Protein backbone atom coordinates (compact mmCIF):
# COMPACT_ATOMS: atom_id res chain seq x y z
CA UNK A 1 -83.53 -71.75 189.92
CA UNK A 2 -87.26 -71.56 190.56
CA UNK A 3 -89.42 -68.49 190.49
CA UNK A 4 -90.75 -67.11 193.73
CA UNK A 5 -92.99 -64.26 194.72
CA UNK A 6 -91.70 -60.81 195.62
CA UNK A 7 -92.03 -61.23 199.37
CA UNK A 8 -90.02 -58.22 200.50
CA UNK A 9 -89.89 -56.01 197.41
CA UNK A 10 -92.45 -53.61 198.93
CA UNK A 11 -90.18 -52.92 201.88
CA UNK A 12 -87.25 -52.02 199.68
CA UNK A 13 -89.48 -50.03 197.33
CA UNK A 14 -90.53 -47.99 200.38
CA UNK A 15 -86.89 -47.59 201.37
CA UNK A 16 -86.10 -46.41 197.84
CA UNK A 17 -88.90 -43.86 198.14
CA UNK A 18 -87.51 -42.65 201.47
CA UNK A 19 -84.04 -42.31 199.99
CA UNK A 20 -85.38 -40.11 197.27
CA UNK A 21 -87.82 -38.15 199.45
CA UNK A 22 -85.58 -37.57 202.48
CA UNK A 23 -82.26 -37.14 200.78
CA UNK A 24 -83.10 -36.13 197.28
CA UNK A 25 -80.81 -38.98 196.26
CA UNK A 26 -80.95 -39.77 192.59
CA UNK A 27 -81.52 -36.11 191.85
CA UNK A 28 -79.62 -32.83 192.03
CA UNK A 29 -78.54 -33.26 195.66
CA UNK A 30 -76.95 -36.61 194.96
CA UNK A 31 -75.18 -35.29 191.90
CA UNK A 32 -73.83 -32.33 193.89
CA UNK A 33 -72.80 -34.61 196.77
CA UNK A 34 -70.87 -37.11 194.65
CA UNK A 35 -69.39 -34.46 192.36
CA UNK A 36 -68.11 -32.54 195.37
CA UNK A 37 -66.57 -35.73 196.76
CA UNK A 38 -65.01 -36.60 193.40
CA UNK A 39 -63.53 -33.11 193.13
CA UNK A 40 -62.13 -32.55 196.60
CA UNK A 41 -61.42 -35.99 198.01
CA UNK A 42 -58.77 -37.43 195.61
CA UNK A 43 -55.98 -34.96 196.63
CA UNK A 44 -56.68 -35.74 200.29
CA UNK A 45 -56.60 -39.48 199.67
CA UNK A 46 -53.42 -39.30 197.58
CA UNK A 47 -51.66 -37.68 200.53
CA UNK A 48 -53.15 -40.29 202.81
CA UNK A 49 -51.96 -43.09 200.52
CA UNK A 50 -48.38 -41.79 200.64
CA UNK A 51 -48.61 -41.53 204.43
CA UNK A 52 -49.84 -45.11 204.73
CA UNK A 53 -47.04 -46.41 202.49
CA UNK A 54 -44.34 -44.58 204.47
CA UNK A 55 -45.71 -44.90 208.01
CA UNK A 56 -45.22 -47.91 210.24
CA UNK A 57 -48.78 -47.77 211.58
CA UNK A 58 -51.92 -45.67 211.06
CA UNK A 59 -54.69 -45.40 213.68
CA UNK A 60 -57.72 -46.45 211.63
CA UNK A 61 -60.22 -45.00 214.12
CA UNK A 62 -58.65 -41.58 213.70
CA UNK A 63 -58.82 -41.90 209.92
CA UNK A 64 -62.47 -42.94 210.12
CA UNK A 65 -63.40 -39.97 212.30
CA UNK A 66 -61.53 -37.60 209.99
CA UNK A 67 -63.35 -38.94 206.94
CA UNK A 68 -66.76 -38.86 208.62
CA UNK A 69 -66.21 -35.24 209.57
CA UNK A 70 -65.26 -34.46 205.97
CA UNK A 71 -68.32 -36.36 204.71
CA UNK A 72 -70.63 -34.40 207.01
CA UNK A 73 -69.39 -31.12 205.60
CA UNK A 74 -69.79 -32.24 202.00
CA UNK A 75 -73.32 -33.53 202.72
CA UNK A 76 -74.22 -30.24 204.40
CA UNK A 77 -72.90 -28.23 201.45
CA UNK A 78 -75.02 -30.40 199.13
CA UNK A 79 -78.20 -29.81 201.15
CA UNK A 80 -78.33 -33.32 202.67
CA UNK A 81 -78.88 -33.65 206.42
CA UNK A 82 -76.36 -35.86 208.24
CA UNK A 83 -79.16 -37.08 210.53
CA UNK A 84 -81.22 -38.14 207.49
CA UNK A 85 -78.22 -40.00 206.08
CA UNK A 86 -77.77 -41.88 209.36
CA UNK A 87 -81.51 -42.62 209.60
CA UNK A 88 -81.66 -44.13 206.12
CA UNK A 89 -78.50 -46.16 206.78
CA UNK A 90 -80.15 -47.61 209.88
CA UNK A 91 -83.30 -48.40 207.86
CA UNK A 92 -81.21 -50.30 205.32
CA UNK A 93 -79.49 -52.31 208.03
CA UNK A 94 -82.80 -53.07 209.77
CA UNK A 95 -84.40 -54.30 206.54
CA UNK A 96 -81.38 -56.46 205.76
CA UNK A 97 -81.37 -57.84 209.28
CA UNK A 98 -85.10 -58.62 209.09
CA UNK A 99 -84.77 -60.46 205.82
CA UNK A 100 -81.43 -62.20 206.35
CA UNK A 101 -82.80 -64.58 208.94
CA UNK A 102 -79.63 -65.52 210.88
CA UNK A 103 -80.45 -69.20 211.24
CA UNK A 104 -81.30 -69.53 207.53
CA UNK A 105 -78.07 -67.93 206.35
CA UNK A 106 -75.98 -69.62 208.97
CA UNK A 107 -77.18 -72.92 207.56
CA UNK A 108 -76.51 -71.74 204.00
CA UNK A 109 -73.00 -70.63 204.95
CA UNK A 110 -72.12 -73.94 206.57
CA UNK A 111 -73.52 -75.77 203.56
CA UNK A 112 -71.36 -73.62 201.29
CA UNK A 113 -68.21 -74.23 203.34
CA UNK A 114 -68.95 -77.93 203.49
CA UNK A 115 -69.42 -78.15 199.73
CA UNK A 116 -66.08 -76.47 199.11
CA UNK A 117 -63.90 -78.23 201.62
CA UNK A 118 -65.61 -81.53 202.35
CA UNK A 119 -66.94 -82.57 198.96
CA UNK A 120 -66.71 -86.26 199.79
CA UNK A 121 -69.86 -85.90 201.90
CA UNK A 122 -72.00 -84.58 199.05
CA UNK A 123 -73.71 -86.37 196.19
CA UNK A 124 -73.51 -83.54 193.63
CA UNK A 125 -70.74 -83.38 191.04
CA UNK A 126 -69.11 -80.31 189.56
CA UNK A 127 -68.97 -79.78 185.79
CA UNK A 128 -65.77 -79.24 183.80
CA UNK A 129 -65.63 -75.57 184.88
CA UNK A 130 -66.35 -76.26 188.53
CA UNK A 131 -70.06 -75.38 188.76
CA UNK A 132 -71.51 -77.16 191.76
CA UNK A 133 -75.28 -77.69 192.06
CA UNK A 134 -74.95 -77.86 195.86
CA UNK A 135 -73.39 -74.38 196.03
CA UNK A 136 -75.93 -72.98 193.55
CA UNK A 137 -78.72 -74.33 195.76
CA UNK A 138 -77.08 -72.98 198.93
CA UNK A 139 -76.84 -69.44 197.54
CA UNK A 140 -80.12 -69.48 195.61
CA UNK A 141 -82.10 -67.62 198.35
CA UNK A 142 -79.54 -64.80 198.35
CA UNK A 143 -79.63 -64.44 194.54
CA UNK A 144 -83.43 -64.44 194.51
CA UNK A 145 -83.53 -61.85 197.27
CA UNK A 146 -81.15 -59.53 195.41
CA UNK A 147 -83.08 -59.97 192.14
CA UNK A 148 -86.68 -59.65 193.34
CA UNK A 149 -86.50 -57.64 196.55
CA UNK A 150 -83.34 -55.63 196.83
CA UNK A 151 -82.71 -54.43 193.27
CA UNK A 152 -86.29 -55.15 192.04
CA UNK A 153 -84.96 -56.10 188.61
CA UNK A 154 -87.25 -55.61 185.60
CA UNK A 155 -86.42 -57.14 182.23
CA UNK A 156 -87.33 -56.11 178.70
CA UNK A 157 -86.69 -58.11 175.53
CA UNK A 158 -85.68 -61.38 177.21
CA UNK A 159 -87.39 -63.19 174.32
CA UNK A 160 -84.59 -61.92 172.05
CA UNK A 161 -82.33 -64.54 173.60
CA UNK A 162 -82.63 -67.73 171.49
CA UNK A 163 -84.67 -70.51 173.08
CA UNK A 164 -82.04 -73.04 172.08
CA UNK A 165 -78.55 -73.16 170.69
CA UNK A 166 -75.54 -70.99 171.42
CA UNK A 167 -75.43 -67.23 171.71
CA UNK A 168 -72.97 -64.67 172.99
CA UNK A 169 -74.50 -62.05 175.27
CA UNK A 170 -72.50 -58.80 175.48
CA UNK A 171 -73.26 -56.23 178.19
CA UNK A 172 -71.98 -53.11 179.90
CA UNK A 173 -70.04 -53.85 183.09
CA UNK A 174 -69.82 -52.22 186.52
CA UNK A 175 -70.30 -52.73 190.25
CA UNK A 176 -66.87 -53.61 191.73
CA UNK A 177 -67.91 -57.28 191.79
CA UNK A 178 -69.81 -59.15 189.01
CA UNK A 179 -73.30 -58.65 190.46
CA UNK A 180 -74.45 -57.79 186.92
CA UNK A 181 -73.45 -61.23 185.66
CA UNK A 182 -75.26 -62.90 188.55
CA UNK A 183 -78.48 -60.91 188.01
CA UNK A 184 -78.54 -61.55 184.26
CA UNK A 185 -78.07 -65.25 185.03
CA UNK A 186 -81.12 -65.16 187.32
CA UNK A 187 -83.08 -63.28 184.64
CA UNK A 188 -82.37 -65.98 182.04
CA UNK A 189 -83.34 -68.75 184.44
CA UNK A 190 -86.47 -67.09 185.81
CA UNK A 191 -87.81 -64.87 183.02
CA UNK A 192 -86.82 -66.55 179.75
CA UNK A 193 -89.56 -68.78 178.27
CA UNK A 194 -87.07 -71.67 178.03
CA UNK A 195 -85.51 -70.94 181.47
CA UNK A 196 -82.08 -70.93 179.90
CA UNK A 197 -78.86 -71.35 181.83
CA UNK A 198 -76.21 -68.66 181.33
CA UNK A 199 -72.47 -68.97 181.93
CA UNK A 200 -70.65 -65.69 182.47
CA UNK A 201 -66.93 -65.02 182.14
CA UNK A 202 -65.15 -63.22 184.97
CA UNK A 203 -61.82 -61.45 185.24
CA UNK A 204 -58.67 -63.05 186.64
CA UNK A 205 -58.34 -60.64 189.56
CA UNK A 206 -61.40 -62.18 191.25
CA UNK A 207 -59.25 -65.24 191.90
CA UNK A 208 -56.80 -63.19 193.97
CA UNK A 209 -59.40 -62.94 196.73
CA UNK A 210 -59.51 -65.85 199.14
CA UNK A 211 -62.74 -67.84 198.88
CA UNK A 212 -64.36 -65.53 196.29
CA UNK A 213 -62.79 -67.04 193.16
CA UNK A 214 -63.67 -70.60 194.16
CA UNK A 215 -67.20 -69.55 195.11
CA UNK A 216 -67.73 -67.87 191.72
CA UNK A 217 -66.54 -71.07 189.99
CA UNK A 218 -68.98 -73.13 192.02
CA UNK A 219 -71.79 -70.75 191.06
CA UNK A 220 -71.13 -71.25 187.35
CA UNK A 221 -68.82 -68.37 186.46
CA UNK A 222 -65.95 -69.21 184.12
CA UNK A 223 -62.47 -67.70 183.98
CA UNK A 224 -62.37 -65.28 181.05
CA UNK A 225 -60.27 -66.59 178.16
CA UNK A 226 -61.06 -67.33 174.48
CA UNK A 227 -60.54 -71.08 174.89
CA UNK A 228 -63.13 -71.38 177.69
CA UNK A 229 -65.65 -69.27 175.79
CA UNK A 230 -65.17 -71.29 172.57
CA UNK A 231 -65.63 -74.56 174.45
CA UNK A 232 -68.90 -73.38 176.00
CA UNK A 233 -70.21 -72.14 172.64
CA UNK A 234 -69.42 -75.47 171.01
CA UNK A 235 -71.63 -77.05 173.65
CA UNK A 236 -74.45 -74.68 172.58
CA UNK A 237 -74.39 -72.74 175.85
CA UNK A 238 -75.40 -69.14 176.42
CA UNK A 239 -72.24 -67.21 177.26
CA UNK A 240 -72.09 -63.73 178.78
CA UNK A 241 -69.01 -61.56 178.22
CA UNK A 242 -68.13 -58.08 179.44
CA UNK A 243 -65.68 -56.64 176.88
CA UNK A 244 -65.00 -53.62 179.10
CA UNK A 245 -63.30 -56.02 181.54
CA UNK A 246 -61.69 -54.60 184.69
CA UNK A 247 -61.96 -51.07 183.28
CA UNK A 248 -65.75 -51.44 183.45
CA UNK A 249 -65.82 -52.75 187.01
CA UNK A 250 -63.58 -49.92 188.18
CA UNK A 251 -65.41 -47.02 186.56
CA UNK A 252 -65.51 -43.86 188.61
CA UNK A 253 -68.95 -42.50 189.48
CA UNK A 254 -68.46 -39.61 187.07
CA UNK A 255 -67.83 -42.15 184.27
CA UNK A 256 -71.00 -44.20 184.88
CA UNK A 257 -72.85 -45.45 181.81
CA UNK A 258 -70.03 -44.35 179.50
CA UNK A 259 -68.84 -47.58 177.95
CA UNK A 260 -65.10 -48.16 177.92
CA UNK A 261 -63.20 -49.49 174.90
CA UNK A 262 -64.11 -53.08 174.05
CA UNK A 263 -60.60 -54.53 174.35
CA UNK A 264 -59.22 -56.10 171.17
CA UNK A 265 -62.56 -57.41 169.98
CA UNK A 266 -61.97 -61.01 171.04
CA UNK A 267 -65.72 -61.54 171.39
CA UNK A 268 -66.19 -60.68 167.69
CA UNK A 269 -63.59 -63.29 166.72
CA UNK A 270 -65.46 -65.83 168.84
CA UNK A 271 -68.76 -64.97 167.15
CA UNK A 272 -67.29 -65.31 163.64
CA UNK A 273 -65.28 -68.46 164.31
CA UNK A 274 -68.19 -70.22 166.03
CA UNK A 275 -71.04 -68.90 163.85
CA UNK A 276 -72.67 -67.42 166.94
CA UNK A 277 -75.09 -64.48 167.18
CA UNK A 278 -74.28 -61.64 169.54
CA UNK A 279 -77.12 -60.43 171.76
CA UNK A 280 -76.52 -56.87 173.07
CA UNK A 281 -77.62 -56.19 176.66
CA UNK A 282 -77.91 -52.90 178.58
CA UNK A 283 -77.92 -53.05 182.38
CA UNK A 284 -79.22 -49.95 184.17
CA UNK A 285 -78.91 -49.45 187.92
CA UNK A 286 -75.74 -51.45 188.52
CA UNK A 287 -73.44 -48.50 187.86
CA UNK A 288 -74.63 -46.68 191.00
CA UNK A 289 -74.51 -49.48 193.59
CA UNK A 290 -70.92 -48.64 194.56
CA UNK A 291 -70.17 -45.00 193.66
CA UNK A 292 -66.39 -45.14 193.24
CA UNK A 293 -64.94 -41.70 193.90
CA UNK A 294 -61.26 -42.64 193.89
CA UNK A 295 -59.00 -45.64 193.26
CA UNK A 296 -55.69 -46.38 194.96
CA UNK A 297 -53.14 -47.84 192.57
CA UNK A 298 -50.23 -48.06 195.04
CA UNK A 299 -52.14 -49.95 197.72
CA UNK A 300 -53.86 -52.09 195.05
CA UNK A 301 -50.47 -53.17 193.67
CA UNK A 302 -49.35 -54.19 197.14
CA UNK A 303 -52.52 -56.29 197.50
CA UNK A 304 -52.26 -57.87 194.04
CA UNK A 305 -55.57 -56.45 192.76
CA UNK A 306 -56.14 -54.08 189.81
CA UNK A 307 -57.51 -51.28 191.99
CA UNK A 308 -58.59 -50.52 195.54
CA UNK A 309 -61.85 -48.54 195.42
CA UNK A 310 -62.89 -45.77 197.77
CA UNK A 311 -66.61 -45.03 197.99
CA UNK A 312 -68.62 -42.84 200.39
CA UNK A 313 -69.00 -45.93 202.60
CA UNK A 314 -65.86 -48.03 202.00
CA UNK A 315 -63.44 -48.58 203.71
CA UNK A 316 -64.72 -46.19 206.37
CA UNK A 317 -67.62 -48.38 207.53
CA UNK A 318 -65.58 -51.59 207.38
CA UNK A 319 -67.36 -54.64 205.90
CA UNK A 320 -70.72 -52.81 206.10
CA UNK A 321 -69.34 -50.36 203.55
CA UNK A 322 -69.31 -53.19 200.99
CA UNK A 323 -73.11 -53.52 201.03
CA UNK A 324 -74.26 -52.30 197.60
CA UNK A 325 -76.91 -49.58 197.40
CA UNK A 326 -80.56 -50.63 196.72
CA UNK A 327 -80.90 -48.99 193.30
CA UNK A 328 -83.65 -50.04 190.86
CA UNK A 329 -82.33 -52.20 188.01
CA UNK A 330 -83.58 -52.61 184.49
CA UNK A 331 -82.10 -55.12 182.03
CA UNK A 332 -82.82 -54.54 178.33
CA UNK A 333 -82.02 -57.26 175.81
CA UNK A 334 -81.60 -56.20 172.18
CA UNK A 335 -82.12 -58.07 168.92
CA UNK A 336 -79.44 -60.66 168.03
CA UNK A 337 -76.72 -59.57 165.59
CA UNK A 338 -75.71 -62.23 163.07
CA UNK A 339 -72.13 -62.64 161.82
CA UNK A 340 -72.83 -65.60 159.54
CA UNK A 341 -71.83 -63.68 156.41
CA UNK A 342 -68.22 -63.50 157.59
CA UNK A 343 -65.78 -66.32 156.84
CA UNK A 344 -63.60 -67.84 159.60
CA UNK A 345 -60.38 -66.41 158.10
CA UNK A 346 -61.83 -62.89 158.45
CA UNK A 347 -61.53 -63.28 162.24
CA UNK A 348 -57.83 -62.47 161.70
CA UNK A 349 -58.58 -59.15 160.01
CA UNK A 350 -57.75 -56.69 162.81
CA UNK A 351 -59.33 -53.71 161.09
CA UNK A 352 -62.60 -55.54 160.49
CA UNK A 353 -62.69 -56.88 164.06
CA UNK A 354 -62.15 -53.41 165.48
CA UNK A 355 -64.90 -51.97 163.26
CA UNK A 356 -67.42 -54.65 164.25
CA UNK A 357 -66.52 -54.39 167.96
CA UNK A 358 -67.07 -50.64 167.82
CA UNK A 359 -70.43 -51.23 166.11
CA UNK A 360 -71.57 -53.50 168.94
CA UNK A 361 -70.25 -51.06 171.57
CA UNK A 362 -72.18 -48.21 169.91
CA UNK A 363 -75.36 -50.32 169.84
CA UNK A 364 -75.14 -51.03 173.58
CA UNK A 365 -74.25 -47.40 174.36
CA UNK A 366 -77.39 -46.25 172.51
CA UNK A 367 -79.51 -48.78 174.44
CA UNK A 368 -78.01 -47.51 177.71
CA UNK A 369 -78.56 -43.85 176.76
CA UNK A 370 -82.19 -44.54 175.80
CA UNK A 371 -82.98 -46.23 179.11
CA UNK A 372 -81.18 -43.56 181.15
CA UNK A 373 -83.29 -40.86 179.47
CA UNK A 374 -86.48 -42.75 180.36
CA UNK A 375 -85.43 -43.29 183.99
CA UNK A 376 -86.89 -40.84 186.51
CA UNK A 377 -85.19 -42.08 189.66
CA UNK A 378 -82.08 -44.07 190.54
CA UNK A 379 -84.07 -45.75 193.32
CA UNK A 380 -87.53 -46.15 191.79
CA UNK A 381 -86.68 -46.56 188.12
């Protein structure tokens, strides 16, 4: 993935400024708005969930109008003008429409579909985990746009990632979908002195969505399991893991930047067994792109996914509600942690593994806390 200039970053920086100036978003008004939603909306939605399960049909337009009316009142109580909210939403859509040149992305989409369903017509070959150079090339403009223009990602400490050989990157997780993995991958390719390739592990539930799981494979993501991670490390690859797993992706807004438990410490076992350093990474900005205010477990079970999120924009705005917010991102890479002094048999010591996993979790939490204290604005960094 080649570097390119920040062609549209100024437009989105201006939008970020407008969001903060007009709405006070990122400050006290936003906090009051989301907290009020988080406090009053869940009981309403729980009743709605029961109604949906028991009813034969629900008029979605009526539900949408009801929710919008509720949202207006909460915004008003938080000191945010409904007209300002609508104006900024229109600005976001206009900027996206200006940048996403229809003919360019139509061509990219057809190329993507062709590469997935008519591979016989392409020269590229997939690797053992399904990464397809043709798909990576087709979606490269979108990844670059998100990295440079939309989220205006800045990176600190990228040189802490080894220039060669294997390493296990461990980061905080959020965002409903693995945008964080994609952006860290772009950072390694574009910002690291050795332009290193990164393979990130993703949760099983992604494969329940039609098209998405296959697309993630083609982009270089790998299904999360110890065997896949060990195989990649033996090939001296950089591997990114998110020990928070699905719990991280589904964090409520009020839980943002509070790291969940790091599973059973499987990543520590990998590091010890494969003599691999762990590189801690803190990702700031991703935990506000989809402010989850409630999760439906009943409807999620029926759909075969771990949770069905409700945000201020989804599902009420339909597919448009899935557009992530243009927050400002910062990725901080810490110093590598060596586990060479541990013997392979110690990977079976549950107490030791738990202790070391907690140590890594604490390190990343401190990095996150430090960067959050420095940050002045959700939108401007």
